[in-house]
């Protein structure tokens, strides 16, 4: 998905639990079968960033994976670790 297409998908309504409030979101990838997005969410009064992957089953989006980052420190740890691994595939 190009940067322009991603900009157009900012704020697209995500199929998340009604208990969560989506503050901001960006679709990363979307086909007829798969959809991935990053979202800033309010979960019971706490802000978190969540990465989602949904699978379209019989016309309904069902969550397949979810990864939540609860703090900047946690993100820094994840980012540092992933960057070490990414450097091995470039």
PDB file of N, CA and C in Angstrom:
ATOM      1  N   UNK A   1       0.849  -1.173   0.000  1.00  0.00           N
ATOM      2  CA  UNK A   1       0.000   0.000   0.000  1.00  0.00           C
ATOM      3  C   UNK A   1       0.895   1.236   0.000  1.00  0.00           C
ATOM      4  N   UNK A   2       0.634   2.166  -0.911  1.00  0.00           N
ATOM      5  CA  UNK A   2       1.450   3.372  -1.007  1.00  0.00           C
ATOM      6  C   UNK A   2       1.165   4.314   0.159  1.00  0.00           C
ATOM      7  N   UNK A   3       2.054   5.291   0.352  1.00  0.00           N
ATOM      8  CA  UNK A   3       1.859   6.282   1.418  1.00  0.00           C
ATOM      9  C   UNK A   3       0.565   7.060   1.195  1.00  0.00           C
ATOM     10  N   UNK A   4       0.271   7.368  -0.061  1.00  0.00           N
ATOM     11  CA  UNK A   4      -0.966   8.102  -0.372  1.00  0.00           C
ATOM     12  C   UNK A   4      -2.185   7.270   0.010  1.00  0.00           C
ATOM     13  N   UNK A   5      -2.165   5.986  -0.319  1.00  0.00           N
ATOM     14  CA  UNK A   5      -3.282   5.110   0.046  1.00  0.00           C
ATOM     15  C   UNK A   5      -3.420   4.999   1.553  1.00  0.00           C
ATOM     16  N   UNK A   6      -2.275   4.934   2.278  1.00  0.00           N
ATOM     17  CA  UNK A   6      -2.330   4.884   3.733  1.00  0.00           C
ATOM     18  C   UNK A   6      -2.963   6.149   4.294  1.00  0.00           C
ATOM     19  N   UNK A   7      -2.596   7.309   3.723  1.00  0.00           N
ATOM     20  CA  UNK A   7      -3.177   8.568   4.189  1.00  0.00           C
ATOM     21  C   UNK A   7      -4.686   8.561   3.998  1.00  0.00           C
ATOM     22  N   UNK A   8      -5.149   7.980   2.902  1.00  0.00           N
ATOM     23  CA  UNK A   8      -6.580   7.912   2.639  1.00  0.00           C
ATOM     24  C   UNK A   8      -7.286   6.967   3.610  1.00  0.00           C
ATOM     25  N   UNK A   9      -6.553   6.021   4.173  1.00  0.00           N
ATOM     26  CA  UNK A   9      -7.151   5.045   5.084  1.00  0.00           C
ATOM     27  C   UNK A   9      -7.056   5.469   6.553  1.00  0.00           C
ATOM     28  N   UNK A  10      -6.460   6.638   6.825  1.00  0.00           N
ATOM     29  CA  UNK A  10      -6.365   7.127   8.201  1.00  0.00           C
ATOM     30  C   UNK A  10      -7.784   7.330   8.716  1.00  0.00           C
ATOM     31  N   UNK A  11      -8.061   6.784   9.872  1.00  0.00           N
ATOM     32  CA  UNK A  11      -9.363   6.982  10.481  1.00  0.00           C
ATOM     33  C   UNK A  11     -10.446   6.037   9.984  1.00  0.00           C
ATOM     34  N   UNK A  12     -10.106   5.129   9.077  1.00  0.00           N
ATOM     35  CA  UNK A  12     -11.089   4.150   8.615  1.00  0.00           C
ATOM     36  C   UNK A  12     -11.596   3.373   9.830  1.00  0.00           C
ATOM     37  N   UNK A  13     -12.899   3.189   9.943  1.00  0.00           N
ATOM     38  CA  UNK A  13     -13.466   2.527  11.114  1.00  0.00           C
ATOM     39  C   UNK A  13     -12.965   1.082  11.216  1.00  0.00           C
ATOM     40  N   UNK A  14     -12.413   0.754  12.378  1.00  0.00           N
ATOM     41  CA  UNK A  14     -11.836  -0.568  12.580  1.00  0.00           C
ATOM     42  C   UNK A  14     -12.821  -1.489  13.297  1.00  0.00           C
ATOM     43  N   UNK A  15     -12.785  -2.782  12.972  1.00  0.00           N
ATOM     44  CA  UNK A  15     -13.673  -3.747  13.616  1.00  0.00           C
ATOM     45  C   UNK A  15     -13.106  -4.216  14.971  1.00  0.00           C
ATOM     46  N   UNK A  16     -13.120  -3.304  15.953  1.00  0.00           N
ATOM     47  CA  UNK A  16     -12.603  -3.635  17.282  1.00  0.00           C
ATOM     48  C   UNK A  16     -13.759  -3.715  18.274  1.00  0.00           C
ATOM     49  N   UNK A  17     -13.460  -4.217  19.450  1.00  0.00           N
ATOM     50  CA  UNK A  17     -14.454  -4.340  20.507  1.00  0.00           C
ATOM     51  C   UNK A  17     -15.114  -2.994  20.796  1.00  0.00           C
ATOM     52  N   UNK A  18     -16.394  -3.018  21.063  1.00  0.00           N
ATOM     53  CA  UNK A  18     -17.127  -1.803  21.407  1.00  0.00           C
ATOM     54  C   UNK A  18     -16.629  -1.197  22.719  1.00  0.00           C
ATOM     55  N   UNK A  19     -15.927  -1.975  23.517  1.00  0.00           N
ATOM     56  CA  UNK A  19     -15.397  -1.508  24.798  1.00  0.00           C
ATOM     57  C   UNK A  19     -14.178  -0.601  24.614  1.00  0.00           C
ATOM     58  N   UNK A  20     -13.596  -0.628  23.411  1.00  0.00           N
ATOM     59  CA  UNK A  20     -12.409   0.176  23.116  1.00  0.00           C
ATOM     60  C   UNK A  20     -12.796   1.400  22.304  1.00  0.00           C
ATOM     61  N   UNK A  21     -12.139   2.528  22.587  1.00  0.00           N
ATOM     62  CA  UNK A  21     -12.360   3.746  21.802  1.00  0.00           C
ATOM     63  C   UNK A  21     -11.127   3.967  20.923  1.00  0.00           C
ATOM     64  N   UNK A  22     -11.337   3.971  19.617  1.00  0.00           N
ATOM     65  CA  UNK A  22     -10.242   4.229  18.682  1.00  0.00           C
ATOM     66  C   UNK A  22     -10.071   5.741  18.573  1.00  0.00           C
ATOM     67  N   UNK A  23      -8.901   6.234  18.984  1.00  0.00           N
ATOM     68  CA  UNK A  23      -8.601   7.655  18.934  1.00  0.00           C
ATOM     69  C   UNK A  23      -8.077   8.032  17.553  1.00  0.00           C
ATOM     70  N   UNK A  24      -7.197   7.202  17.029  1.00  0.00           N
ATOM     71  CA  UNK A  24      -6.592   7.433  15.711  1.00  0.00           C
ATOM     72  C   UNK A  24      -6.151   6.082  15.174  1.00  0.00           C
ATOM     73  N   UNK A  25      -6.243   5.910  13.850  1.00  0.00           N
ATOM     74  CA  UNK A  25      -5.807   4.639  13.270  1.00  0.00           C
ATOM     75  C   UNK A  25      -5.282   4.841  11.853  1.00  0.00           C
ATOM     76  N   UNK A  26      -4.454   3.894  11.433  1.00  0.00           N
ATOM     77  CA  UNK A  26      -3.913   3.884  10.073  1.00  0.00           C
ATOM     78  C   UNK A  26      -3.944   2.446   9.572  1.00  0.00           C
ATOM     79  N   UNK A  27      -4.592   2.245   8.433  1.00  0.00           N
ATOM     80  CA  UNK A  27      -4.570   0.937   7.788  1.00  0.00           C
ATOM     81  C   UNK A  27      -3.208   0.751   7.138  1.00  0.00           C
ATOM     82  N   UNK A  28      -2.569  -0.377   7.428  1.00  0.00           N
ATOM     83  CA  UNK A  28      -1.259  -0.684   6.861  1.00  0.00           C
ATOM     84  C   UNK A  28      -1.374  -1.503   5.584  1.00  0.00           C
ATOM     85  N   UNK A  29      -2.374  -2.397   5.550  1.00  0.00           N
ATOM     86  CA  UNK A  29      -2.519  -3.336   4.440  1.00  0.00           C
ATOM     87  C   UNK A  29      -3.961  -3.809   4.448  1.00  0.00           C
ATOM     88  N   UNK A  30      -4.578  -3.861   3.267  1.00  0.00           N
ATOM     89  CA  UNK A  30      -5.952  -4.372   3.215  1.00  0.00           C
ATOM     90  C   UNK A  30      -6.238  -4.985   1.855  1.00  0.00           C
ATOM     91  N   UNK A  31      -6.730  -6.230   1.896  1.00  0.00           N
ATOM     92  CA  UNK A  31      -7.196  -6.920   0.700  1.00  0.00           C
ATOM     93  C   UNK A  31      -8.609  -7.413   1.019  1.00  0.00           C
ATOM     94  N   UNK A  32      -9.178  -8.193   0.127  1.00  0.00           N
ATOM     95  CA  UNK A  32     -10.502  -8.757   0.404  1.00  0.00           C
ATOM     96  C   UNK A  32     -10.457  -9.753   1.561  1.00  0.00           C
ATOM     97  N   UNK A  33      -9.280 -10.345   1.797  1.00  0.00           N
ATOM     98  CA  UNK A  33      -9.168 -11.384   2.822  1.00  0.00           C
ATOM     99  C   UNK A  33      -8.463 -10.924   4.095  1.00  0.00           C
ATOM    100  N   UNK A  34      -7.439 -10.067   3.977  1.00  0.00           N
ATOM    101  CA  UNK A  34      -6.627  -9.661   5.128  1.00  0.00           C
ATOM    102  C   UNK A  34      -6.668  -8.151   5.324  1.00  0.00           C
ATOM    103  N   UNK A  35      -6.550  -7.722   6.592  1.00  0.00           N
ATOM    104  CA  UNK A  35      -6.536  -6.300   6.917  1.00  0.00           C
ATOM    105  C   UNK A  35      -5.630  -6.127   8.129  1.00  0.00           C
ATOM    106  N   UNK A  36      -4.669  -5.214   8.037  1.00  0.00           N
ATOM    107  CA  UNK A  36      -3.824  -4.905   9.189  1.00  0.00           C
ATOM    108  C   UNK A  36      -3.839  -3.401   9.409  1.00  0.00           C
ATOM    109  N   UNK A  37      -3.760  -3.008  10.680  1.00  0.00           N
ATOM    110  CA  UNK A  37      -3.804  -1.592  11.030  1.00  0.00           C
ATOM    111  C   UNK A  37      -3.092  -1.353  12.351  1.00  0.00           C
ATOM    112  N   UNK A  38      -2.644  -0.108  12.514  1.00  0.00           N
ATOM    113  CA  UNK A  38      -2.104   0.365  13.789  1.00  0.00           C
ATOM    114  C   UNK A  38      -3.123   1.352  14.336  1.00  0.00           C
ATOM    115  N   UNK A  39      -3.354   1.299  15.653  1.00  0.00           N
ATOM    116  CA  UNK A  39      -4.367   2.176  16.247  1.00  0.00           C
ATOM    117  C   UNK A  39      -3.941   2.661  17.620  1.00  0.00           C
ATOM    118  N   UNK A  40      -4.226   3.930  17.874  1.00  0.00           N
ATOM    119  CA  UNK A  40      -4.117   4.489  19.218  1.00  0.00           C
ATOM    120  C   UNK A  40      -5.497   4.309  19.820  1.00  0.00           C
ATOM    121  N   UNK A  41      -5.560   3.558  20.922  1.00  0.00           N
ATOM    122  CA  UNK A  41      -6.859   3.243  21.514  1.00  0.00           C
ATOM    123  C   UNK A  41      -6.911   3.654  22.981  1.00  0.00           C
ATOM    124  N   UNK A  42      -8.113   3.903  23.436  1.00  0.00           N
ATOM    125  CA  UNK A  42      -8.363   4.132  24.858  1.00  0.00           C
ATOM    126  C   UNK A  42      -9.008   2.852  25.372  1.00  0.00           C
ATOM    127  N   UNK A  43      -8.299   2.184  26.250  1.00  0.00           N
ATOM    128  CA  UNK A  43      -8.784   0.930  26.826  1.00  0.00           C
ATOM    129  C   UNK A  43      -9.019   1.138  28.320  1.00  0.00           C
ATOM    130  N   UNK A  44     -10.262   1.340  28.669  1.00  0.00           N
ATOM    131  CA  UNK A  44     -10.646   1.533  30.063  1.00  0.00           C
ATOM    132  C   UNK A  44      -9.843   2.651  30.726  1.00  0.00           C
ATOM    133  N   UNK A  45      -9.700   3.784  29.987  1.00  0.00           N
ATOM    134  CA  UNK A  45      -9.018   4.952  30.518  1.00  0.00           C
ATOM    135  C   UNK A  45      -7.518   5.000  30.301  1.00  0.00           C
ATOM    136  N   UNK A  46      -6.952   3.980  29.679  1.00  0.00           N
ATOM    137  CA  UNK A  46      -5.511   3.952  29.402  1.00  0.00           C
ATOM    138  C   UNK A  46      -5.278   3.988  27.898  1.00  0.00           C
ATOM    139  N   UNK A  47      -4.369   4.858  27.475  1.00  0.00           N
ATOM    140  CA  UNK A  47      -4.018   4.907  26.052  1.00  0.00           C
ATOM    141  C   UNK A  47      -2.987   3.832  25.751  1.00  0.00           C
ATOM    142  N   UNK A  48      -3.198   3.163  24.616  1.00  0.00           N
ATOM    143  CA  UNK A  48      -2.303   2.106  24.163  1.00  0.00           C
ATOM    144  C   UNK A  48      -2.225   2.166  22.644  1.00  0.00           C
ATOM    145  N   UNK A  49      -1.151   1.640  22.097  1.00  0.00           N
ATOM    146  CA  UNK A  49      -1.045   1.479  20.648  1.00  0.00           C
ATOM    147  C   UNK A  49      -1.178  -0.013  20.359  1.00  0.00           C
ATOM    148  N   UNK A  50      -2.070  -0.338  19.444  1.00  0.00           N
ATOM    149  CA  UNK A  50      -2.310  -1.739  19.109  1.00  0.00           C
ATOM    150  C   UNK A  50      -2.095  -1.962  17.619  1.00  0.00           C
ATOM    151  N   UNK A  51      -1.462  -3.080  17.301  1.00  0.00           N
ATOM    152  CA  UNK A  51      -1.319  -3.537  15.917  1.00  0.00           C
ATOM    153  C   UNK A  51      -2.283  -4.707  15.747  1.00  0.00           C
ATOM    154  N   UNK A  52      -3.150  -4.603  14.768  1.00  0.00           N
ATOM    155  CA  UNK A  52      -4.174  -5.624  14.537  1.00  0.00           C
ATOM    156  C   UNK A  52      -3.988  -6.292  13.187  1.00  0.00           C
ATOM    157  N   UNK A  53      -4.418  -7.554  13.113  1.00  0.00           N
ATOM    158  CA  UNK A  53      -4.566  -8.267  11.845  1.00  0.00           C
ATOM    159  C   UNK A  53      -5.923  -8.963  11.906  1.00  0.00           C
ATOM    160  N   UNK A  54      -6.749  -8.702  10.895  1.00  0.00           N
ATOM    161  CA  UNK A  54      -8.060  -9.349  10.800  1.00  0.00           C
ATOM    162  C   UNK A  54      -8.104 -10.219   9.560  1.00  0.00           C
ATOM    163  N   UNK A  55      -8.944 -11.236   9.621  1.00  0.00           N
ATOM    164  CA  UNK A  55      -9.190 -12.139   8.501  1.00  0.00           C
ATOM    165  C   UNK A  55     -10.670 -12.040   8.160  1.00  0.00           C
ATOM    166  N   UNK A  56     -10.977 -11.888   6.887  1.00  0.00           N
ATOM    167  CA  UNK A  56     -12.366 -11.803   6.461  1.00  0.00           C
ATOM    168  C   UNK A  56     -12.909 -13.218   6.288  1.00  0.00           C
ATOM    169  N   UNK A  57     -13.846 -13.582   7.163  1.00  0.00           N
ATOM    170  CA  UNK A  57     -14.470 -14.905   7.101  1.00  0.00           C
ATOM    171  C   UNK A  57     -15.951 -14.725   6.813  1.00  0.00           C
ATOM    172  N   UNK A  58     -16.369 -15.219   5.661  1.00  0.00           N
ATOM    173  CA  UNK A  58     -17.773 -15.140   5.260  1.00  0.00           C
ATOM    174  C   UNK A  58     -18.320 -13.720   5.329  1.00  0.00           C
ATOM    175  N   UNK A  59     -17.513 -12.753   4.892  1.00  0.00           N
ATOM    176  CA  UNK A  59     -17.958 -11.372   4.837  1.00  0.00           C
ATOM    177  C   UNK A  59     -17.841 -10.591   6.136  1.00  0.00           C
ATOM    178  N   UNK A  60     -17.301 -11.212   7.183  1.00  0.00           N
ATOM    179  CA  UNK A  60     -17.125 -10.522   8.462  1.00  0.00           C
ATOM    180  C   UNK A  60     -15.659 -10.520   8.859  1.00  0.00           C
ATOM    181  N   UNK A  61     -15.184  -9.353   9.323  1.00  0.00           N
ATOM    182  CA  UNK A  61     -13.800  -9.239   9.765  1.00  0.00           C
ATOM    183  C   UNK A  61     -13.674  -9.813  11.168  1.00  0.00           C
ATOM    184  N   UNK A  62     -12.806 -10.827  11.308  1.00  0.00           N
ATOM    185  CA  UNK A  62     -12.536 -11.472  12.597  1.00  0.00           C
ATOM    186  C   UNK A  62     -11.079 -11.228  12.966  1.00  0.00           C
ATOM    187  N   UNK A  63     -10.853 -10.811  14.222  1.00  0.00           N
ATOM    188  CA  UNK A  63      -9.475 -10.550  14.635  1.00  0.00           C
ATOM    189  C   UNK A  63      -8.667 -11.838  14.626  1.00  0.00           C
ATOM    190  N   UNK A  64      -7.510 -11.773  13.972  1.00  0.00           N
ATOM    191  CA  UNK A  64      -6.619 -12.912  13.880  1.00  0.00           C
ATOM    192  C   UNK A  64      -5.440 -12.741  14.835  1.00  0.00           C
ATOM    193  N   UNK A  65      -4.938 -11.488  14.949  1.00  0.00           N
ATOM    194  CA  UNK A  65      -3.804 -11.195  15.830  1.00  0.00           C
ATOM    195  C   UNK A  65      -3.939  -9.784  16.376  1.00  0.00           C
ATOM    196  N   UNK A  66      -3.382  -9.590  17.571  1.00  0.00           N
ATOM    197  CA  UNK A  66      -3.343  -8.263  18.183  1.00  0.00           C
ATOM    198  C   UNK A  66      -2.081  -8.175  19.023  1.00  0.00           C
ATOM    199  N   UNK A  67      -1.351  -7.062  18.870  1.00  0.00           N
ATOM    200  CA  UNK A  67      -0.158  -6.810  19.669  1.00  0.00           C
ATOM    201  C   UNK A  67      -0.300  -5.413  20.247  1.00  0.00           C
ATOM    202  N   UNK A  68      -0.209  -5.293  21.564  1.00  0.00           N
ATOM    203  CA  UNK A  68      -0.434  -4.015  22.235  1.00  0.00           C
ATOM    204  C   UNK A  68       0.850  -3.510  22.889  1.00  0.00           C
ATOM    205  N   UNK A  69       1.117  -2.217  22.691  1.00  0.00           N
ATOM    206  CA  UNK A  69       2.238  -1.547  23.343  1.00  0.00           C
ATOM    207  C   UNK A  69       1.637  -0.618  24.386  1.00  0.00           C
ATOM    208  N   UNK A  70       2.058  -0.810  25.643  1.00  0.00           N
ATOM    209  CA  UNK A  70       1.460  -0.083  26.762  1.00  0.00           C
ATOM    210  C   UNK A  70       2.215   1.179  27.172  1.00  0.00           C
ATOM    211  N   UNK A  71       3.482   1.304  26.753  1.00  0.00           N
ATOM    212  CA  UNK A  71       4.275   2.455  27.184  1.00  0.00           C
ATOM    213  C   UNK A  71       5.384   2.745  26.174  1.00  0.00           C
ATOM    214  N   UNK A  72       5.960   3.935  26.273  1.00  0.00           N
ATOM    215  CA  UNK A  72       7.084   4.291  25.401  1.00  0.00           C
ATOM    216  C   UNK A  72       8.292   3.401  25.693  1.00  0.00           C
ATOM    217  N   UNK A  73       8.514   3.075  26.964  1.00  0.00           N
ATOM    218  CA  UNK A  73       9.634   2.196  27.325  1.00  0.00           C
ATOM    219  C   UNK A  73       9.461   0.820  26.667  1.00  0.00           C
ATOM    220  N   UNK A  74       8.258   0.292  26.757  1.00  0.00           N
ATOM    221  CA  UNK A  74       7.986  -1.011  26.141  1.00  0.00           C
ATOM    222  C   UNK A  74       8.229  -0.934  24.626  1.00  0.00           C
ATOM    223  N   UNK A  75       7.771   0.161  23.981  1.00  0.00           N
ATOM    224  CA  UNK A  75       7.988   0.324  22.549  1.00  0.00           C
ATOM    225  C   UNK A  75       9.476   0.385  22.225  1.00  0.00           C
ATOM    226  N   UNK A  76      10.247   1.127  23.017  1.00  0.00           N
ATOM    227  CA  UNK A  76      11.686   1.224  22.770  1.00  0.00           C
ATOM    228  C   UNK A  76      12.348  -0.145  22.825  1.00  0.00           C
ATOM    229  N   UNK A  77      11.928  -0.976  23.773  1.00  0.00           N
ATOM    230  CA  UNK A  77      12.467  -2.336  23.881  1.00  0.00           C
ATOM    231  C   UNK A  77      12.104  -3.167  22.647  1.00  0.00           C
ATOM    232  N   UNK A  78      10.841  -3.082  22.238  1.00  0.00           N
ATOM    233  CA  UNK A  78      10.382  -3.834  21.063  1.00  0.00           C
ATOM    234  C   UNK A  78      11.113  -3.349  19.816  1.00  0.00           C
ATOM    235  N   UNK A  79      11.169  -2.034  19.642  1.00  0.00           N
ATOM    236  CA  UNK A  79      11.810  -1.454  18.461  1.00  0.00           C
ATOM    237  C   UNK A  79      13.280  -1.851  18.357  1.00  0.00           C
ATOM    238  N   UNK A  80      13.983  -1.768  19.464  1.00  0.00           N
ATOM    239  CA  UNK A  80      15.407  -2.118  19.484  1.00  0.00           C
ATOM    240  C   UNK A  80      15.595  -3.597  19.081  1.00  0.00           C
ATOM    241  N   UNK A  81      14.772  -4.456  19.612  1.00  0.00           N
ATOM    242  CA  UNK A  81      14.875  -5.886  19.323  1.00  0.00           C
ATOM    243  C   UNK A  81      14.542  -6.190  17.864  1.00  0.00           C
ATOM    244  N   UNK A  82      13.463  -5.604  17.376  1.00  0.00           N
ATOM    245  CA  UNK A  82      13.058  -5.857  15.988  1.00  0.00           C
ATOM    246  C   UNK A  82      14.088  -5.298  15.015  1.00  0.00           C
ATOM    247  N   UNK A  83      14.630  -4.122  15.306  1.00  0.00           N
ATOM    248  CA  UNK A  83      15.639  -3.551  14.409  1.00  0.00           C
ATOM    249  C   UNK A  83      16.873  -4.442  14.310  1.00  0.00           C
ATOM    250  N   UNK A  84      17.261  -5.086  15.399  1.00  0.00           N
ATOM    251  CA  UNK A  84      18.392  -6.022  15.345  1.00  0.00           C
ATOM    252  C   UNK A  84      18.078  -7.182  14.398  1.00  0.00           C
ATOM    253  N   UNK A  85      16.871  -7.695  14.476  1.00  0.00           N
ATOM    254  CA  UNK A  85      16.483  -8.808  13.615  1.00  0.00           C
ATOM    255  C   UNK A  85      16.305  -8.360  12.173  1.00  0.00           C
ATOM    256  N   UNK A  86      15.715  -7.198  11.955  1.00  0.00           N
ATOM    257  CA  UNK A  86      15.512  -6.669  10.605  1.00  0.00           C
ATOM    258  C   UNK A  86      16.843  -6.478   9.881  1.00  0.00           C
ATOM    259  N   UNK A  87      17.850  -6.058  10.628  1.00  0.00           N
ATOM    260  CA  UNK A  87      19.156  -5.822   9.995  1.00  0.00           C
ATOM    261  C   UNK A  87      19.710  -7.097   9.352  1.00  0.00           C
ATOM    262  N   UNK A  88      19.251  -8.236   9.792  1.00  0.00           N
ATOM    263  CA  UNK A  88      19.721  -9.505   9.228  1.00  0.00           C
ATOM    264  C   UNK A  88      19.009  -9.897   7.934  1.00  0.00           C
ATOM    265  N   UNK A  89      17.923  -9.200   7.589  1.00  0.00           N
ATOM    266  CA  UNK A  89      17.209  -9.560   6.349  1.00  0.00           C
ATOM    267  C   UNK A  89      17.409  -8.529   5.251  1.00  0.00           C
ATOM    268  N   UNK A  90      18.079  -7.428   5.538  1.00  0.00           N
ATOM    269  CA  UNK A  90      18.284  -6.402   4.519  1.00  0.00           C
ATOM    270  C   UNK A  90      19.485  -6.700   3.668  1.00  0.00           C
TER     271      UNK A  90
END
